[in-house]
Amino acid sequence: MTAEAKLAERGYRLSDPPPPLGRYVRAVSTGNLVYTAGHGPFAADGTTAVRGQVGGELTLEQGQEAARLSVVACLSSLRGEIHDLERVTRIVKMLAFVNCAPGFSSTSAVIDGASELLLEAFGDRGVHARAAIGTSVLPGDIPVEIELVAEVAD
């Protein structure tokens, strides 16, 4: 079963990535690596699906879902760049930011939502290095922003 089919089985559908919100691109390739820009929790229509601070307006579980939606958005841009997720040989690195209410320190637990989804979709190819950083604000009051680095086959 393909990674995209596994995501669909979990209820996540890749869509065309929304246009960038600034002067950048959603994904860029160099050699056999693809870097995605930071992505928030987008709905299938490109709108922001959830806003707020984790540990404030949002629970840990809502933060984990925002992380899953953010990584799905990254995968949509990745697919847009390489046209087929089956070309992914490895998810190399995830950089994640969590919009945290004062005193909330479970950023790793929030981002586990995204990491677990990558493992379910890609199996061993989804094992990655990661940073999960807490911050007091993110653009548009999104709860999570994620970047991916993926290795792809020619």
N, C-alpha and C. Protein backbone atom coordinates (compact mmCIF):
# COMPACT_ATOMS: atom_id res chain seq x y z
N MET A 1 0.84 -1.18 0.00
CA MET A 1 0.00 0.00 0.00
C MET A 1 0.89 1.25 0.00
N THR A 2 0.54 2.24 -0.78
CA THR A 2 1.33 3.47 -0.88
C THR A 2 1.18 4.33 0.37
N ALA A 3 2.13 5.21 0.56
CA ALA A 3 2.06 6.15 1.69
C ALA A 3 0.79 6.98 1.60
N GLU A 4 0.45 7.42 0.40
CA GLU A 4 -0.75 8.24 0.23
C GLU A 4 -2.01 7.46 0.58
N ALA A 5 -2.05 6.18 0.21
CA ALA A 5 -3.20 5.33 0.55
C ALA A 5 -3.28 5.10 2.06
N LYS A 6 -2.14 4.95 2.70
CA LYS A 6 -2.13 4.78 4.16
C LYS A 6 -2.63 6.04 4.86
N LEU A 7 -2.27 7.20 4.34
CA LEU A 7 -2.77 8.45 4.91
C LEU A 7 -4.29 8.54 4.73
N ALA A 8 -4.76 8.18 3.53
CA ALA A 8 -6.20 8.23 3.25
C ALA A 8 -6.96 7.28 4.17
N GLU A 9 -6.38 6.13 4.45
CA GLU A 9 -6.99 5.16 5.36
C GLU A 9 -7.19 5.76 6.75
N ARG A 10 -6.31 6.67 7.14
CA ARG A 10 -6.40 7.36 8.43
C ARG A 10 -7.27 8.62 8.36
N GLY A 11 -7.79 8.93 7.15
CA GLY A 11 -8.67 10.08 7.00
C GLY A 11 -7.98 11.36 6.55
N TYR A 12 -6.73 11.27 6.09
CA TYR A 12 -5.99 12.44 5.65
C TYR A 12 -5.81 12.39 4.14
N ARG A 13 -6.20 13.47 3.48
CA ARG A 13 -6.13 13.55 2.03
C ARG A 13 -5.14 14.63 1.64
N LEU A 14 -4.22 14.29 0.74
CA LEU A 14 -3.31 15.30 0.23
C LEU A 14 -4.06 16.15 -0.79
N SER A 15 -3.77 17.43 -0.78
CA SER A 15 -4.42 18.34 -1.71
C SER A 15 -3.33 19.16 -2.41
N ASP A 16 -3.74 19.99 -3.34
CA ASP A 16 -2.79 20.92 -3.93
C ASP A 16 -2.39 21.91 -2.85
N PRO A 17 -1.09 22.17 -2.71
CA PRO A 17 -0.68 23.10 -1.67
C PRO A 17 -1.21 24.50 -1.95
N PRO A 18 -1.60 25.22 -0.90
CA PRO A 18 -2.04 26.60 -1.11
C PRO A 18 -0.86 27.45 -1.54
N PRO A 19 -1.12 28.60 -2.15
CA PRO A 19 0.00 29.47 -2.53
C PRO A 19 0.75 29.93 -1.29
N PRO A 20 2.04 30.21 -1.43
CA PRO A 20 2.81 30.71 -0.29
C PRO A 20 2.22 32.02 0.23
N LEU A 21 2.44 32.27 1.51
CA LEU A 21 1.93 33.48 2.15
C LEU A 21 2.94 34.63 2.09
N GLY A 22 4.05 34.41 1.40
CA GLY A 22 5.09 35.42 1.28
C GLY A 22 5.95 35.13 0.07
N ARG A 23 7.14 35.66 0.07
CA ARG A 23 8.06 35.53 -1.07
C ARG A 23 8.95 34.31 -0.89
N TYR A 24 8.36 33.13 -1.03
CA TYR A 24 9.07 31.87 -0.92
C TYR A 24 8.29 30.82 -1.69
N VAL A 25 8.84 29.62 -1.77
CA VAL A 25 8.15 28.50 -2.39
C VAL A 25 7.85 27.47 -1.31
N ARG A 26 6.87 26.61 -1.56
CA ARG A 26 6.45 25.61 -0.57
C ARG A 26 7.45 24.46 -0.44
N ALA A 27 8.22 24.19 -1.51
CA ALA A 27 9.22 23.12 -1.45
C ALA A 27 10.29 23.43 -2.49
N VAL A 28 11.51 23.00 -2.19
CA VAL A 28 12.62 23.19 -3.12
C VAL A 28 13.50 21.95 -3.07
N SER A 29 13.98 21.54 -4.25
CA SER A 29 14.85 20.37 -4.36
C SER A 29 16.27 20.81 -4.62
N THR A 30 17.20 20.06 -4.02
CA THR A 30 18.61 20.21 -4.34
C THR A 30 19.23 18.83 -4.23
N GLY A 31 19.83 18.37 -5.32
CA GLY A 31 20.33 17.00 -5.34
C GLY A 31 19.18 16.04 -5.09
N ASN A 32 19.39 15.11 -4.17
CA ASN A 32 18.32 14.14 -3.86
C ASN A 32 17.56 14.50 -2.58
N LEU A 33 17.67 15.77 -2.15
CA LEU A 33 16.93 16.23 -0.97
C LEU A 33 15.87 17.24 -1.37
N VAL A 34 14.73 17.18 -0.67
CA VAL A 34 13.67 18.16 -0.84
C VAL A 34 13.41 18.78 0.53
N TYR A 35 13.39 20.10 0.56
CA TYR A 35 13.12 20.86 1.78
C TYR A 35 11.75 21.51 1.62
N THR A 36 10.88 21.32 2.61
CA THR A 36 9.62 22.03 2.57
C THR A 36 9.73 23.30 3.41
N ALA A 37 8.95 24.28 3.05
CA ALA A 37 8.80 25.47 3.88
C ALA A 37 8.02 25.08 5.12
N GLY A 38 7.90 25.99 6.05
CA GLY A 38 7.07 25.74 7.22
C GLY A 38 5.60 25.70 6.83
N HIS A 39 4.91 24.69 7.31
CA HIS A 39 3.48 24.50 7.02
C HIS A 39 2.70 24.41 8.32
N GLY A 40 1.57 25.06 8.33
CA GLY A 40 0.65 24.97 9.46
C GLY A 40 -0.45 23.97 9.16
N PRO A 41 -1.42 23.89 10.04
CA PRO A 41 -2.51 22.91 9.90
C PRO A 41 -3.56 23.39 8.90
N PHE A 42 -3.31 23.10 7.63
CA PHE A 42 -4.21 23.51 6.56
C PHE A 42 -5.33 22.49 6.38
N ALA A 43 -6.51 22.98 6.08
CA ALA A 43 -7.62 22.13 5.65
C ALA A 43 -7.42 21.83 4.17
N ALA A 44 -8.18 20.89 3.63
CA ALA A 44 -8.06 20.48 2.23
C ALA A 44 -8.26 21.66 1.27
N ASP A 45 -9.03 22.66 1.68
CA ASP A 45 -9.28 23.82 0.80
C ASP A 45 -8.22 24.90 0.92
N GLY A 46 -7.17 24.65 1.72
CA GLY A 46 -6.07 25.59 1.87
C GLY A 46 -6.24 26.61 2.97
N THR A 47 -7.37 26.59 3.66
CA THR A 47 -7.57 27.51 4.78
C THR A 47 -6.93 26.92 6.04
N THR A 48 -6.71 27.76 7.03
CA THR A 48 -6.16 27.28 8.30
C THR A 48 -7.25 26.53 9.05
N ALA A 49 -6.95 25.29 9.42
CA ALA A 49 -7.95 24.41 10.05
C ALA A 49 -8.12 24.67 11.54
N VAL A 50 -7.08 25.14 12.21
CA VAL A 50 -7.16 25.34 13.66
C VAL A 50 -6.19 26.46 14.06
N ARG A 51 -6.59 27.23 15.05
CA ARG A 51 -5.76 28.32 15.56
C ARG A 51 -5.75 28.25 17.09
N GLY A 52 -4.73 28.83 17.70
CA GLY A 52 -4.67 28.93 19.14
C GLY A 52 -3.39 28.36 19.71
N GLN A 53 -3.24 28.56 21.01
CA GLN A 53 -2.06 28.07 21.73
C GLN A 53 -2.36 26.73 22.38
N VAL A 54 -1.41 25.82 22.24
CA VAL A 54 -1.52 24.52 22.91
C VAL A 54 -1.25 24.74 24.39
N GLY A 55 -2.09 24.15 25.22
CA GLY A 55 -2.00 24.38 26.65
C GLY A 55 -2.81 25.59 27.09
N GLY A 56 -3.40 26.29 26.14
CA GLY A 56 -4.28 27.43 26.41
C GLY A 56 -5.65 27.08 25.85
N GLU A 57 -5.96 27.62 24.66
CA GLU A 57 -7.24 27.33 24.02
C GLU A 57 -7.32 25.88 23.53
N LEU A 58 -6.16 25.28 23.28
CA LEU A 58 -6.11 23.93 22.71
C LEU A 58 -5.51 22.92 23.69
N THR A 59 -6.06 21.73 23.70
CA THR A 59 -5.53 20.63 24.52
C THR A 59 -4.32 20.00 23.82
N LEU A 60 -3.63 19.17 24.54
CA LEU A 60 -2.53 18.40 23.96
C LEU A 60 -3.02 17.61 22.75
N GLU A 61 -4.17 16.95 22.87
CA GLU A 61 -4.70 16.13 21.78
C GLU A 61 -5.04 16.98 20.56
N GLN A 62 -5.59 18.18 20.78
CA GLN A 62 -5.87 19.08 19.65
C GLN A 62 -4.56 19.56 19.01
N GLY A 63 -3.54 19.75 19.83
CA GLY A 63 -2.22 20.10 19.30
C GLY A 63 -1.65 18.97 18.46
N GLN A 64 -1.82 17.73 18.91
CA GLN A 64 -1.33 16.59 18.13
C GLN A 64 -2.04 16.50 16.78
N GLU A 65 -3.34 16.77 16.76
CA GLU A 65 -4.07 16.76 15.49
C GLU A 65 -3.58 17.90 14.59
N ALA A 66 -3.31 19.06 15.17
CA ALA A 66 -2.75 20.17 14.39
C ALA A 66 -1.41 19.78 13.81
N ALA A 67 -0.60 19.04 14.57
CA ALA A 67 0.70 18.57 14.07
C ALA A 67 0.50 17.60 12.90
N ARG A 68 -0.49 16.71 13.02
CA ARG A 68 -0.76 15.78 11.91
C ARG A 68 -1.19 16.54 10.66
N LEU A 69 -2.08 17.52 10.83
CA LEU A 69 -2.53 18.32 9.68
C LEU A 69 -1.36 19.10 9.07
N SER A 70 -0.47 19.57 9.91
CA SER A 70 0.70 20.32 9.41
C SER A 70 1.63 19.43 8.60
N VAL A 71 1.85 18.22 9.06
CA VAL A 71 2.74 17.33 8.31
C VAL A 71 2.07 16.86 7.03
N VAL A 72 0.75 16.69 7.03
CA VAL A 72 0.03 16.37 5.79
C VAL A 72 0.19 17.51 4.79
N ALA A 73 0.14 18.75 5.28
CA ALA A 73 0.35 19.90 4.39
C ALA A 73 1.77 19.86 3.81
N CYS A 74 2.76 19.51 4.62
CA CYS A 74 4.13 19.36 4.13
C CYS A 74 4.19 18.29 3.04
N LEU A 75 3.52 17.17 3.28
CA LEU A 75 3.53 16.08 2.31
C LEU A 75 2.83 16.48 1.02
N SER A 76 1.81 17.31 1.11
CA SER A 76 1.15 17.82 -0.11
C SER A 76 2.14 18.63 -0.93
N SER A 77 2.92 19.49 -0.27
CA SER A 77 3.92 20.28 -1.00
C SER A 77 5.05 19.41 -1.51
N LEU A 78 5.43 18.41 -0.73
CA LEU A 78 6.46 17.47 -1.17
C LEU A 78 5.99 16.75 -2.43
N ARG A 79 4.76 16.25 -2.42
CA ARG A 79 4.22 15.59 -3.60
C ARG A 79 4.16 16.55 -4.78
N GLY A 80 3.79 17.80 -4.52
CA GLY A 80 3.77 18.79 -5.59
C GLY A 80 5.14 18.99 -6.22
N GLU A 81 6.18 18.84 -5.44
CA GLU A 81 7.55 19.01 -5.94
C GLU A 81 8.05 17.78 -6.67
N ILE A 82 7.73 16.57 -6.16
CA ILE A 82 8.31 15.34 -6.75
C ILE A 82 7.28 14.48 -7.47
N HIS A 83 6.00 14.84 -7.38
CA HIS A 83 4.89 14.22 -8.11
C HIS A 83 4.45 12.85 -7.61
N ASP A 84 5.25 12.17 -6.81
CA ASP A 84 4.88 10.83 -6.34
C ASP A 84 5.61 10.55 -5.03
N LEU A 85 4.86 10.40 -3.93
CA LEU A 85 5.49 10.16 -2.63
C LEU A 85 6.25 8.84 -2.56
N GLU A 86 6.00 7.94 -3.50
CA GLU A 86 6.74 6.67 -3.49
C GLU A 86 8.20 6.87 -3.87
N ARG A 87 8.55 8.05 -4.35
CA ARG A 87 9.95 8.39 -4.61
C ARG A 87 10.71 8.69 -3.32
N VAL A 88 9.99 8.91 -2.21
CA VAL A 88 10.65 9.22 -0.93
C VAL A 88 11.37 7.97 -0.44
N THR A 89 12.68 8.10 -0.26
CA THR A 89 13.46 6.99 0.29
C THR A 89 13.64 7.14 1.80
N ARG A 90 13.49 8.40 2.29
CA ARG A 90 13.65 8.63 3.72
C ARG A 90 13.14 10.01 4.09
N ILE A 91 12.40 10.10 5.16
CA ILE A 91 12.15 11.39 5.80
C ILE A 91 13.36 11.61 6.69
N VAL A 92 14.15 12.60 6.37
CA VAL A 92 15.44 12.80 7.05
C VAL A 92 15.28 13.59 8.34
N LYS A 93 14.52 14.70 8.27
CA LYS A 93 14.49 15.61 9.42
C LYS A 93 13.15 16.33 9.47
N MET A 94 12.67 16.55 10.67
CA MET A 94 11.50 17.38 10.91
C MET A 94 11.92 18.49 11.88
N LEU A 95 11.56 19.71 11.52
CA LEU A 95 11.73 20.85 12.42
C LEU A 95 10.33 21.34 12.73
N ALA A 96 9.99 21.38 14.02
CA ALA A 96 8.61 21.70 14.42
C ALA A 96 8.61 22.77 15.50
N PHE A 97 7.63 23.66 15.38
CA PHE A 97 7.41 24.72 16.36
C PHE A 97 6.00 24.58 16.90
N VAL A 98 5.87 24.75 18.21
CA VAL A 98 4.56 24.66 18.86
C VAL A 98 4.28 25.99 19.54
N ASN A 99 3.13 26.58 19.22
CA ASN A 99 2.65 27.81 19.83
C ASN A 99 2.13 27.43 21.23
N CYS A 100 2.89 27.75 22.26
CA CYS A 100 2.61 27.27 23.61
C CYS A 100 2.09 28.36 24.53
N ALA A 101 1.08 28.02 25.32
CA ALA A 101 0.64 28.89 26.40
C ALA A 101 1.74 28.90 27.47
N PRO A 102 1.82 29.98 28.26
CA PRO A 102 2.83 30.02 29.32
C PRO A 102 2.76 28.77 30.20
N GLY A 103 3.93 28.19 30.43
CA GLY A 103 4.02 27.01 31.29
C GLY A 103 3.85 25.69 30.57
N PHE A 104 3.40 25.68 29.30
CA PHE A 104 3.23 24.42 28.57
C PHE A 104 4.59 23.98 28.05
N SER A 105 4.99 22.77 28.41
CA SER A 105 6.33 22.29 28.02
C SER A 105 6.32 20.93 27.34
N SER A 106 5.16 20.45 26.92
CA SER A 106 5.08 19.13 26.30
C SER A 106 5.13 19.21 24.78
N THR A 107 6.09 20.00 24.28
CA THR A 107 6.19 20.17 22.83
C THR A 107 6.47 18.86 22.11
N SER A 108 7.32 18.02 22.69
CA SER A 108 7.61 16.72 22.05
C SER A 108 6.36 15.87 21.93
N ALA A 109 5.52 15.87 22.94
CA ALA A 109 4.28 15.08 22.89
C ALA A 109 3.35 15.60 21.80
N VAL A 110 3.31 16.92 21.59
CA VAL A 110 2.49 17.49 20.52
C VAL A 110 2.99 16.98 19.17
N ILE A 111 4.28 17.07 18.95
CA ILE A 111 4.86 16.73 17.65
C ILE A 111 4.89 15.23 17.42
N ASP A 112 4.76 14.45 18.48
CA ASP A 112 4.64 13.00 18.30
C ASP A 112 3.47 12.66 17.36
N GLY A 113 2.42 13.49 17.36
CA GLY A 113 1.30 13.26 16.45
C GLY A 113 1.77 13.22 15.00
N ALA A 114 2.63 14.14 14.61
CA ALA A 114 3.17 14.19 13.25
C ALA A 114 4.14 13.05 13.00
N SER A 115 5.04 12.80 13.95
CA SER A 115 6.04 11.73 13.78
C SER A 115 5.38 10.37 13.63
N GLU A 116 4.38 10.12 14.45
CA GLU A 116 3.68 8.82 14.36
C GLU A 116 2.97 8.67 13.02
N LEU A 117 2.41 9.75 12.49
CA LEU A 117 1.74 9.67 11.19
C LEU A 117 2.74 9.37 10.08
N LEU A 118 3.92 9.98 10.15
CA LEU A 118 4.96 9.67 9.15
C LEU A 118 5.38 8.21 9.22
N LEU A 119 5.51 7.69 10.43
CA LEU A 119 5.88 6.28 10.58
C LEU A 119 4.79 5.36 10.04
N GLU A 120 3.54 5.70 10.28
CA GLU A 120 2.44 4.89 9.76
C GLU A 120 2.39 4.93 8.24
N ALA A 121 2.66 6.09 7.65
CA ALA A 121 2.57 6.24 6.21
C ALA A 121 3.77 5.63 5.48
N PHE A 122 4.97 5.83 6.02
CA PHE A 122 6.18 5.44 5.31
C PHE A 122 6.91 4.24 5.90
N GLY A 123 6.49 3.75 7.05
CA GLY A 123 7.22 2.66 7.68
C GLY A 123 8.62 3.12 8.05
N ASP A 124 9.61 2.27 7.83
CA ASP A 124 10.99 2.61 8.17
C ASP A 124 11.51 3.83 7.43
N ARG A 125 10.96 4.13 6.25
CA ARG A 125 11.37 5.32 5.50
C ARG A 125 10.93 6.60 6.21
N GLY A 126 10.02 6.49 7.17
CA GLY A 126 9.52 7.64 7.90
C GLY A 126 10.25 7.95 9.19
N VAL A 127 11.23 7.12 9.57
CA VAL A 127 12.02 7.36 10.78
C VAL A 127 12.91 8.57 10.52
N HIS A 128 12.87 9.56 11.42
CA HIS A 128 13.54 10.83 11.14
C HIS A 128 14.16 11.42 12.40
N ALA A 129 15.11 12.33 12.19
CA ALA A 129 15.61 13.19 13.27
C ALA A 129 14.60 14.32 13.44
N ARG A 130 14.60 14.95 14.62
CA ARG A 130 13.55 15.93 14.86
C ARG A 130 13.95 16.94 15.93
N ALA A 131 13.40 18.14 15.80
CA ALA A 131 13.45 19.14 16.87
C ALA A 131 12.02 19.62 17.08
N ALA A 132 11.61 19.78 18.33
CA ALA A 132 10.27 20.27 18.69
C ALA A 132 10.45 21.45 19.62
N ILE A 133 10.24 22.65 19.09
CA ILE A 133 10.56 23.88 19.80
C ILE A 133 9.28 24.60 20.21
N GLY A 134 9.21 25.01 21.45
CA GLY A 134 8.07 25.80 21.92
C GLY A 134 8.32 27.28 21.70
N THR A 135 7.26 27.98 21.32
CA THR A 135 7.34 29.41 21.09
C THR A 135 6.06 30.07 21.59
N SER A 136 6.08 31.37 21.76
CA SER A 136 4.90 32.06 22.31
C SER A 136 3.93 32.54 21.24
N VAL A 137 4.33 32.49 19.98
CA VAL A 137 3.45 32.92 18.89
C VAL A 137 3.94 32.31 17.58
N LEU A 138 3.01 32.03 16.69
CA LEU A 138 3.33 31.60 15.32
C LEU A 138 2.47 32.42 14.37
N PRO A 139 2.86 32.52 13.11
CA PRO A 139 2.09 33.33 12.15
C PRO A 139 0.62 32.92 12.11
N GLY A 140 -0.27 33.90 12.08
CA GLY A 140 -1.69 33.63 11.97
C GLY A 140 -2.28 32.90 13.15
N ASP A 141 -1.56 32.89 14.28
CA ASP A 141 -2.00 32.20 15.50
C ASP A 141 -2.18 30.70 15.29
N ILE A 142 -1.40 30.12 14.35
CA ILE A 142 -1.46 28.66 14.17
C ILE A 142 -0.79 27.99 15.37
N PRO A 143 -1.25 26.79 15.73
CA PRO A 143 -0.68 26.12 16.91
C PRO A 143 0.62 25.37 16.62
N VAL A 144 0.84 24.98 15.37
CA VAL A 144 2.00 24.18 15.00
C VAL A 144 2.49 24.61 13.63
N GLU A 145 3.80 24.65 13.46
CA GLU A 145 4.41 24.85 12.15
C GLU A 145 5.50 23.79 11.99
N ILE A 146 5.50 23.11 10.84
CA ILE A 146 6.43 22.01 10.60
C ILE A 146 7.12 22.19 9.26
N GLU A 147 8.41 21.86 9.25
CA GLU A 147 9.22 21.76 8.03
C GLU A 147 9.72 20.32 7.94
N LEU A 148 9.86 19.82 6.71
CA LEU A 148 10.44 18.49 6.49
C LEU A 148 11.62 18.57 5.53
N VAL A 149 12.55 17.64 5.72
CA VAL A 149 13.59 17.36 4.73
C VAL A 149 13.42 15.90 4.36
N ALA A 150 13.30 15.63 3.05
CA ALA A 150 13.11 14.27 2.57
C ALA A 150 14.16 13.93 1.53
N GLU A 151 14.62 12.69 1.57
CA GLU A 151 15.50 12.17 0.54
C GLU A 151 14.63 11.47 -0.49
N VAL A 152 14.91 11.69 -1.77
CA VAL A 152 14.11 11.09 -2.83
C VAL A 152 14.99 10.36 -3.83
N ALA A 153 14.41 9.34 -4.44
CA ALA A 153 15.09 8.60 -5.50
C ALA A 153 14.92 9.35 -6.81
N ASP A 154 15.88 9.21 -7.70
CA ASP A 154 15.78 9.83 -9.02
C ASP A 154 14.65 9.27 -9.83
